[in-house]
Protein backbone atom coordinates (compact mmCIF):
# COMPACT_ATOMS: atom_id res chain seq x y z
CA UNK A 1 0.02 0.01 -0.02
CA UNK A 2 1.41 3.39 -1.07
CA UNK A 3 1.07 6.56 0.86
CA UNK A 4 -1.26 9.32 -0.60
CA UNK A 5 -1.26 12.75 1.03
CA UNK A 6 -3.08 14.66 -1.67
CA UNK A 7 -4.95 13.76 -4.82
CA UNK A 8 -2.15 14.49 -7.11
CA UNK A 9 0.25 11.78 -8.45
CA UNK A 10 2.99 14.38 -8.89
CA UNK A 11 6.07 13.06 -6.95
CA UNK A 12 7.04 15.06 -3.92
CA UNK A 13 10.40 16.71 -4.70
CA UNK A 14 12.75 16.67 -1.61
CA UNK A 15 14.23 20.14 -1.75
CA UNK A 16 16.43 22.15 0.58
CA UNK A 17 14.49 21.30 3.74
CA UNK A 18 15.58 20.53 7.32
CA UNK A 19 13.56 17.67 8.74
CA UNK A 20 13.44 16.86 12.42
CA UNK A 21 11.95 13.70 14.14
CA UNK A 22 11.90 12.27 17.62
CA UNK A 23 11.22 9.09 19.53
CA UNK A 24 7.57 8.01 19.02
CA UNK A 25 6.18 5.22 21.31
CA UNK A 26 3.32 4.67 18.84
CA UNK A 27 5.96 3.28 16.38
CA UNK A 28 7.05 0.57 18.71
CA UNK A 29 5.18 -2.74 18.22
CA UNK A 30 3.90 -4.79 21.07
CA UNK A 31 5.76 -8.11 20.68
CA UNK A 32 5.47 -11.11 22.92
CA UNK A 33 8.82 -12.12 24.56
CA UNK A 34 10.30 -15.55 23.93
CA UNK A 35 11.38 -15.90 27.57
CA UNK A 36 11.11 -14.36 30.98
CA UNK A 37 14.31 -14.15 33.08
CA UNK A 38 14.04 -13.50 36.78
CA UNK A 39 16.76 -10.81 36.61
CA UNK A 40 17.48 -7.22 35.83
CA UNK A 41 19.35 -6.15 32.71
CA UNK A 42 22.06 -3.60 33.04
CA UNK A 43 22.62 -1.39 29.93
CA UNK A 44 25.81 0.68 29.58
CA UNK A 45 25.20 3.98 27.81
CA UNK A 46 27.60 6.91 28.29
CA UNK A 47 25.86 10.29 28.26
CA UNK A 48 27.51 11.31 25.03
CA UNK A 49 25.96 8.28 23.37
CA UNK A 50 22.56 8.64 25.03
CA UNK A 51 22.30 12.28 23.93
CA UNK A 52 23.67 11.70 20.38
CA UNK A 53 21.56 13.29 17.63
CA UNK A 54 22.28 12.31 14.07
CA UNK A 55 22.14 15.29 11.65
CA UNK A 56 22.93 14.53 8.02
CA UNK A 57 21.84 14.34 4.40
CA UNK A 58 20.68 11.22 2.54
CA UNK A 59 23.19 8.97 0.77
CA UNK A 60 21.16 9.28 -2.51
CA UNK A 61 20.85 12.02 -5.10
CA UNK A 62 17.09 12.08 -4.36
CA UNK A 63 16.72 14.48 -1.45
CA UNK A 64 20.46 15.33 -1.38
CA UNK A 65 19.68 18.99 -0.47
CA UNK A 66 17.58 17.95 2.51
CA UNK A 67 18.82 17.34 6.09
CA UNK A 68 17.41 15.03 8.74
CA UNK A 69 17.77 15.30 12.47
CA UNK A 70 17.02 12.13 14.54
CA UNK A 71 17.93 11.47 18.15
CA UNK A 72 19.57 8.07 17.76
CA UNK A 73 20.60 7.83 21.41
CA UNK A 74 17.22 8.54 22.78
CA UNK A 75 15.47 6.19 20.39
CA UNK A 76 17.92 3.39 21.25
CA UNK A 77 17.42 3.98 24.97
CA UNK A 78 13.64 3.83 24.79
CA UNK A 79 13.48 0.83 22.43
CA UNK A 80 16.08 -1.07 24.45
CA UNK A 81 13.96 -0.43 27.51
CA UNK A 82 10.79 -1.54 25.69
CA UNK A 83 12.31 -4.76 24.43
CA UNK A 84 14.11 -5.94 27.51
CA UNK A 85 11.44 -4.93 30.09
CA UNK A 86 9.25 -7.53 28.43
CA UNK A 87 11.75 -10.50 28.97
CA UNK A 88 13.54 -9.33 32.23
CA UNK A 89 11.24 -9.62 35.19
CA UNK A 90 13.01 -6.84 37.16
CA UNK A 91 13.33 -4.43 34.31
CA UNK A 92 16.21 -2.51 32.97
CA UNK A 93 18.77 -0.12 34.57
CA UNK A 94 21.06 2.22 32.81
CA UNK A 95 24.63 3.19 33.81
CA UNK A 96 27.28 5.29 32.12
CA UNK A 97 30.00 2.82 32.80
CA UNK A 98 30.59 -0.72 34.02
CA UNK A 99 32.04 -0.79 37.46
CA UNK A 100 32.80 -3.77 39.78
CA UNK A 101 30.39 -2.54 42.51
CA UNK A 102 27.39 -3.04 40.29
CA UNK A 103 25.49 -6.26 40.89
CA UNK A 104 23.99 -7.76 37.74
CA UNK A 105 23.38 -11.00 35.93
CA UNK A 106 24.20 -9.66 32.49
CA UNK A 107 25.03 -6.23 31.09
CA UNK A 108 25.02 -5.09 27.50
CA UNK A 109 26.71 -2.08 25.86
CA UNK A 110 24.99 -1.21 22.58
CA UNK A 111 26.20 1.41 20.04
CA UNK A 112 24.66 2.39 16.77
CA UNK A 113 27.24 2.82 13.98
CA UNK A 114 27.14 3.82 10.35
CA UNK A 115 23.58 5.07 10.35
CA UNK A 116 22.44 6.32 6.94
CA UNK A 117 19.29 6.89 4.94
CA UNK A 118 18.10 7.62 1.47
CA UNK A 119 15.30 7.66 -1.03
CA UNK A 120 14.93 5.46 -4.18
CA UNK A 121 12.82 6.74 -7.04
CA UNK A 122 11.66 4.31 -9.75
CA UNK A 123 8.69 3.62 -12.02
CA UNK A 124 5.75 1.98 -10.32
CA UNK A 125 5.89 -1.63 -11.53
CA UNK A 126 2.14 -2.04 -10.77
CA UNK A 127 0.90 0.69 -13.11
CA UNK A 128 1.07 0.04 -16.85
CA UNK A 129 1.63 2.88 -19.33
CA UNK A 130 -1.06 3.47 -21.81
CA UNK A 131 1.22 5.00 -24.38
CA UNK A 132 4.85 4.54 -25.29
CA UNK A 133 5.65 8.20 -24.94
CA UNK A 134 3.77 8.51 -21.67
CA UNK A 135 6.12 9.26 -18.67
CA UNK A 136 6.06 6.47 -16.14
CA UNK A 137 4.37 7.02 -12.75
CA UNK A 138 7.16 7.26 -10.23
CA UNK A 139 7.19 6.08 -6.60
CA UNK A 140 9.58 6.89 -3.89
CA UNK A 141 10.76 4.42 -1.27
CA UNK A 142 12.68 5.66 1.74
CA UNK A 143 15.27 3.42 3.30
CA UNK A 144 17.68 3.29 6.23
CA UNK A 145 20.73 1.24 7.20
CA UNK A 146 22.86 0.92 10.26
CA UNK A 147 25.08 -1.36 12.34
CA UNK A 148 24.40 -2.15 15.96
CA UNK A 149 27.51 -3.12 17.86
CA UNK A 150 26.72 -5.02 21.18
CA UNK A 151 29.05 -6.27 23.84
CA UNK A 152 27.52 -8.23 26.65
CA UNK A 153 29.28 -8.92 29.99
CA UNK A 154 28.97 -11.52 32.67
CA UNK A 155 28.97 -10.61 36.41
CA UNK A 156 32.75 -10.69 36.35
CA UNK A 157 32.82 -8.03 33.70
CA UNK A 158 34.10 -10.43 31.10
CA UNK A 159 32.76 -10.22 27.54
CA UNK A 160 30.39 -13.11 26.72
CA UNK A 161 29.03 -11.70 23.44
CA UNK A 162 30.70 -9.29 21.07
CA UNK A 163 28.83 -8.88 17.76
CA UNK A 164 27.88 -6.33 15.13
CA UNK A 165 24.36 -6.69 13.88
CA UNK A 166 24.10 -5.31 10.36
CA UNK A 167 20.59 -4.44 9.21
CA UNK A 168 21.41 -4.02 5.49
CA UNK A 169 19.18 -1.80 3.56
CA UNK A 170 15.76 -1.61 5.14
CA UNK A 171 12.98 -0.17 2.94
CA UNK A 172 10.04 1.89 4.35
CA UNK A 173 6.67 2.43 2.95
CA UNK A 174 6.64 3.69 -0.69
CA UNK A 175 4.64 6.75 -1.79
CA UNK A 176 3.70 8.83 -4.64
CA UNK A 177 3.60 12.03 -2.88
CA UNK A 178 4.06 13.06 0.77
CA UNK A 179 4.98 16.21 2.70
CA UNK A 180 6.51 14.30 5.59
CA UNK A 181 9.07 11.81 4.16
CA UNK A 182 10.97 12.08 7.49
CA UNK A 183 8.09 10.36 9.34
CA UNK A 184 8.54 7.19 7.13
CA UNK A 185 12.36 7.29 7.75
CA UNK A 186 11.61 7.48 11.53
CA UNK A 187 9.07 4.70 11.42
CA UNK A 188 11.45 2.44 9.50
CA UNK A 189 14.31 3.14 11.94
CA UNK A 190 12.08 2.40 15.00
CA UNK A 191 10.95 -0.90 13.42
CA UNK A 192 14.45 -2.03 12.34
CA UNK A 193 16.01 -1.15 15.68
CA UNK A 194 13.27 -2.98 17.59
CA UNK A 195 13.75 -6.11 15.45
CA UNK A 196 17.56 -5.93 15.99
CA UNK A 197 17.25 -5.50 19.77
CA UNK A 198 15.00 -8.59 19.84
CA UNK A 199 17.78 -10.54 18.10
CA UNK A 200 20.16 -9.30 20.89
CA UNK A 201 17.61 -10.57 23.55
CA UNK A 202 17.58 -13.95 21.93
CA UNK A 203 21.44 -14.15 21.58
CA UNK A 204 21.96 -13.36 25.30
CA UNK A 205 19.42 -15.96 26.38
CA UNK A 206 21.95 -18.90 26.46
CA UNK A 207 24.31 -16.92 28.73
CA UNK A 208 21.53 -16.60 31.38
CA UNK A 209 21.41 -20.34 31.92
CA UNK A 210 22.57 -21.12 35.46
CA UNK A 211 22.48 -17.45 36.45
CA UNK A 212 18.86 -16.99 37.05
CA UNK A 213 15.47 -18.74 36.53
CA UNK A 214 14.27 -18.70 33.00
CA UNK A 215 10.77 -19.34 31.70
CA UNK A 216 10.53 -19.99 27.99
CA UNK A 217 7.39 -18.86 26.34
């Protein structure tokens, strides 16, 4: 299903605009956890990372004069909380650094790297041209891409997981025309980050065995 914001099929031209988005809880899906651990998750996020705001242009010629501002740190903090509060009985606690005095079963240190976005414009494959000289009806598909580096630690502070999750190119909803392309980028980022964090939750599950009670769902 493509987005329509007005009755015209004229493609929205991304001009020299500055777009700004923020964390939106309505963009986070309610997903059932795969397990419940009787523990609390510790998340290491330095202030600089938590407060980091990405400001940049797309990696594509389409929209190359526009700029997007998105608070990557805040979105990651909120989505991390949402995902892990569902599978850790005692919730999630944040700290700026891992210190020996902290008592925890497992701690994770996530970091978003190489975030980028763009727009792909191409003829709509579902609309046939009536005449050979008729210009094709174009659709625009926003997309995002990022790497999520995650290190997990056991109670002794030793790494038990060190992995970079690569999303690859994640496409959002295509449209003919819209005056808010940044909202589609934001929605796509929320969804991709939530899915990636759920993969992290699954990957640390084996390291909880013997550390706390676990109920698989």
